[in-house]
Amino acid sequence: MEFELRPWRMEDAETIARYANNPKIAANLRDAFPHPYTQRDAETFIQSCLDADPARCYFRAIAVNGEAVGSISLSIGEDISSKSAELGYWLAEPYWGQGIMPEAVRQICGFAFQTYGLARIFAVPFAYNLASRRVLEKAGFQQEGLMRNSVYKRGMLYDSYLYARTSEDGPAHDPDRTDREEHASGRLK
């Protein structure tokens, strides 16, 4: 499915509020992602993206046919972690399983390695979030470790995994992609 990674616009708030107000999405993200997710939450989030220092944070809307249907971001480390960035993302449920997110991750990583001179991009999915772990693997990330009892979510402790991709890993290749998916790619703006 074709998509683009583009800057956030305040007019995205309505669709983001609609798509983000999903307990299945909130269950797999940090508690800073609220549920229920309101129009005001969407406006506050978008404004924070617009106000962010682009040298430290890179936020993009994932848009299909012009409509924002998800988010992807990089938070660049400081001090001794200045060559590393943490990846975060979510996608509206109607677009799950269509190859969008692995390709979005590949694109933002390629951009970030080149633009920011990063050596490493990492993500920390919850252990039970098998779909997110698979996205990372398809995008060329390697599992580096299990962090036991590292997440406190909904009154319970859960494990999480550390995944990373380095600038030395080269372009990601996903052997599961079909020829059709190879030709349907997004555009990074």
Protein backbone atom coordinates (compact mmCIF):
# COMPACT_ATOMS: atom_id res chain seq x y z
CA MET A 1 0.00 0.00 0.00
CA GLU A 2 1.35 3.42 -0.89
CA PHE A 3 1.95 5.91 1.90
CA GLU A 4 4.12 8.89 2.68
CA LEU A 5 6.00 10.10 5.72
CA ARG A 6 5.31 13.80 6.00
CA PRO A 7 5.40 16.63 8.54
CA TRP A 8 2.49 16.89 10.93
CA ARG A 9 -0.27 19.44 10.28
CA MET A 10 -2.78 20.66 12.85
CA GLU A 11 -5.59 19.60 10.51
CA ASP A 12 -4.49 15.97 11.14
CA ALA A 13 -5.94 16.14 14.66
CA GLU A 14 -9.42 14.89 13.77
CA THR A 15 -8.29 11.73 11.99
CA ILE A 16 -5.57 11.02 14.52
CA ALA A 17 -8.04 11.33 17.39
CA ARG A 18 -10.35 8.88 15.61
CA TYR A 19 -7.64 6.29 14.85
CA ALA A 20 -5.65 6.67 18.09
CA ASN A 21 -8.70 6.17 20.29
CA ASN A 22 -8.16 2.42 20.20
CA PRO A 23 -7.33 0.34 23.29
CA LYS A 24 -5.33 -2.10 21.12
CA ILE A 25 -2.94 0.72 20.19
CA ALA A 26 -2.71 2.18 23.69
CA ALA A 27 -1.99 -1.29 25.16
CA ASN A 28 1.29 -1.42 23.24
CA LEU A 29 2.60 2.08 23.92
CA ARG A 30 3.88 4.07 26.88
CA ASP A 31 1.32 5.52 29.25
CA ALA A 32 2.03 8.99 27.79
CA PHE A 33 -0.22 7.78 24.95
CA PRO A 34 -3.64 8.21 26.58
CA HIS A 35 -6.76 6.13 26.31
CA PRO A 36 -9.36 7.31 25.64
CA TYR A 37 -7.61 9.52 23.07
CA THR A 38 -9.43 12.80 22.45
CA GLN A 39 -9.29 15.57 19.86
CA ARG A 40 -7.47 17.68 22.47
CA ASP A 41 -4.89 14.90 22.96
CA ALA A 42 -4.31 14.86 19.21
CA GLU A 43 -3.94 18.65 19.07
CA THR A 44 -1.50 18.63 21.99
CA PHE A 45 0.55 15.85 20.39
CA ILE A 46 0.69 17.56 17.00
CA GLN A 47 1.69 20.87 18.57
CA SER A 48 4.51 19.11 20.46
CA CYS A 49 5.73 17.67 17.15
CA LEU A 50 5.63 21.09 15.50
CA ASP A 51 7.48 22.67 18.45
CA ALA A 52 10.14 19.93 18.78
CA ASP A 53 13.79 20.73 18.19
CA PRO A 54 14.53 18.99 14.86
CA ALA A 55 18.12 18.40 16.00
CA ARG A 56 16.80 16.22 18.86
CA CYS A 57 13.48 14.81 17.65
CA TYR A 58 12.16 13.86 14.24
CA PHE A 59 8.39 13.32 14.00
CA ARG A 60 6.47 12.31 10.89
CA ALA A 61 2.86 11.49 10.15
CA ILE A 62 2.25 8.28 8.23
CA ALA A 63 -0.27 9.32 5.58
CA VAL A 64 -2.33 7.22 3.18
CA ASN A 65 -4.15 9.14 0.46
CA GLY A 66 -3.26 12.34 2.31
CA GLU A 67 -4.88 11.21 5.58
CA ALA A 68 -2.69 10.81 8.69
CA VAL A 69 -3.11 7.20 9.87
CA GLY A 70 -0.17 6.83 12.24
CA SER A 71 3.03 8.26 13.61
CA ILE A 72 6.73 7.49 13.48
CA SER A 73 9.47 9.29 15.37
CA LEU A 74 13.10 9.33 16.39
CA SER A 75 14.38 10.76 19.66
CA ILE A 76 18.10 11.42 19.41
CA GLY A 77 20.19 10.77 22.51
CA GLU A 78 22.42 13.24 24.29
CA ASP A 79 25.94 13.23 25.72
CA ILE A 80 27.51 9.81 25.22
CA SER A 81 24.33 8.63 23.47
CA SER A 82 24.41 11.36 20.82
CA LYS A 83 24.98 8.84 18.01
CA SER A 84 21.91 6.79 19.03
CA ALA A 85 18.20 7.39 18.61
CA GLU A 86 15.09 5.67 19.91
CA LEU A 87 12.43 4.76 17.37
CA GLY A 88 8.73 4.95 18.18
CA TYR A 89 5.68 4.31 16.02
CA TRP A 90 2.03 3.34 15.83
CA LEU A 91 -0.40 2.73 12.98
CA ALA A 92 -4.20 2.80 12.74
CA GLU A 93 -5.68 -0.68 12.99
CA PRO A 94 -7.33 -0.67 9.52
CA TYR A 95 -3.81 -0.44 8.03
CA TRP A 96 -2.19 -3.27 10.02
CA GLY A 97 -0.69 -6.13 8.04
CA GLN A 98 -0.35 -4.21 4.78
CA GLY A 99 3.43 -3.72 4.82
CA ILE A 100 3.28 -0.04 5.71
CA MET A 101 5.12 -0.07 9.01
CA PRO A 102 8.20 -2.14 8.06
CA GLU A 103 8.70 0.11 5.04
CA ALA A 104 8.14 3.27 7.11
CA VAL A 105 10.77 2.06 9.59
CA ARG A 106 13.22 1.31 6.75
CA GLN A 107 12.68 4.76 5.28
CA ILE A 108 13.07 6.73 8.49
CA CYS A 109 16.17 4.74 9.44
CA GLY A 110 17.82 5.34 6.07
CA PHE A 111 17.02 9.04 6.34
CA ALA A 112 18.26 9.28 9.93
CA PHE A 113 21.54 7.46 9.37
CA GLN A 114 22.32 9.78 6.47
CA THR A 115 20.99 13.05 7.89
CA TYR A 116 21.90 12.79 11.57
CA GLY A 117 25.05 10.71 11.26
CA LEU A 118 23.68 8.17 13.71
CA ALA A 119 25.49 4.93 14.46
CA ARG A 120 22.50 3.15 16.03
CA ILE A 121 18.72 3.24 16.14
CA PHE A 122 16.94 1.18 18.76
CA ALA A 123 13.41 0.29 19.82
CA VAL A 124 12.01 -1.33 22.95
CA PRO A 125 8.78 -3.22 22.15
CA PHE A 126 6.87 -4.98 24.88
CA ALA A 127 7.59 -8.72 24.78
CA TYR A 128 3.93 -9.55 24.16
CA ASN A 129 3.78 -7.23 21.13
CA LEU A 130 4.72 -9.83 18.54
CA ALA A 131 3.53 -7.68 15.62
CA SER A 132 5.85 -4.81 16.54
CA ARG A 133 8.76 -7.17 17.05
CA ARG A 134 8.12 -8.61 13.57
CA VAL A 135 8.01 -5.08 12.07
CA LEU A 136 11.45 -4.41 13.49
CA GLU A 137 12.86 -7.71 12.24
CA LYS A 138 11.47 -7.05 8.74
CA ALA A 139 13.11 -3.61 8.84
CA GLY A 140 16.54 -5.07 9.58
CA PHE A 141 16.65 -4.71 13.36
CA GLN A 142 18.25 -7.39 15.48
CA GLN A 143 17.08 -8.48 18.90
CA GLU A 144 19.83 -7.65 21.37
CA GLY A 145 18.30 -8.63 24.64
CA LEU A 146 15.39 -9.35 26.92
CA MET A 147 14.73 -6.87 29.71
CA ARG A 148 12.82 -8.72 32.39
CA ASN A 149 10.05 -6.92 34.31
CA SER A 150 11.01 -3.66 32.62
CA VAL A 151 7.49 -2.45 31.79
CA TYR A 152 4.74 -1.58 34.27
CA LYS A 153 1.52 -1.36 32.27
CA ARG A 154 -2.09 -1.62 33.45
CA GLY A 155 -1.02 -2.71 36.93
CA MET A 156 1.20 -5.56 35.72
CA LEU A 157 4.90 -6.08 35.08
CA TYR A 158 5.96 -7.24 31.62
CA ASP A 159 9.18 -7.97 29.83
CA SER A 160 10.41 -5.95 26.89
CA TYR A 161 13.01 -6.55 24.21
CA LEU A 162 15.81 -4.35 22.99
CA TYR A 163 16.10 -4.25 19.20
CA ALA A 164 18.66 -2.22 17.27
CA ARG A 165 19.92 -1.51 13.83
CA THR A 166 23.29 0.10 13.18
CA SER A 167 24.56 2.17 10.30
CA GLU A 168 26.93 -0.72 9.51
CA ASP A 169 24.05 -3.16 8.99
CA GLY A 170 23.36 -1.87 5.48
CA PRO A 171 19.94 -1.73 3.86
CA ALA A 172 17.27 -3.93 5.33
CA HIS A 173 15.93 -6.75 3.21
CA ASP A 174 12.72 -8.50 4.13
CA PRO A 175 12.54 -11.94 2.54
CA ASP A 176 8.76 -12.05 3.14
CA ARG A 177 8.01 -9.11 0.86
CA THR A 178 6.31 -9.96 -2.41
CA ASP A 179 7.16 -8.42 -5.77
CA ARG A 180 3.99 -6.33 -5.46
CA GLU A 181 5.15 -4.92 -2.12
CA GLU A 182 8.61 -4.23 -3.55
CA HIS A 183 7.01 -1.80 -6.00
CA ALA A 184 4.55 -0.18 -3.58
CA SER A 185 6.63 2.10 -1.42
CA GLY A 186 6.16 5.29 0.46
CA ARG A 187 7.74 8.66 0.05
CA LEU A 188 9.61 10.48 2.79
CA LYS A 189 9.07 14.23 2.94
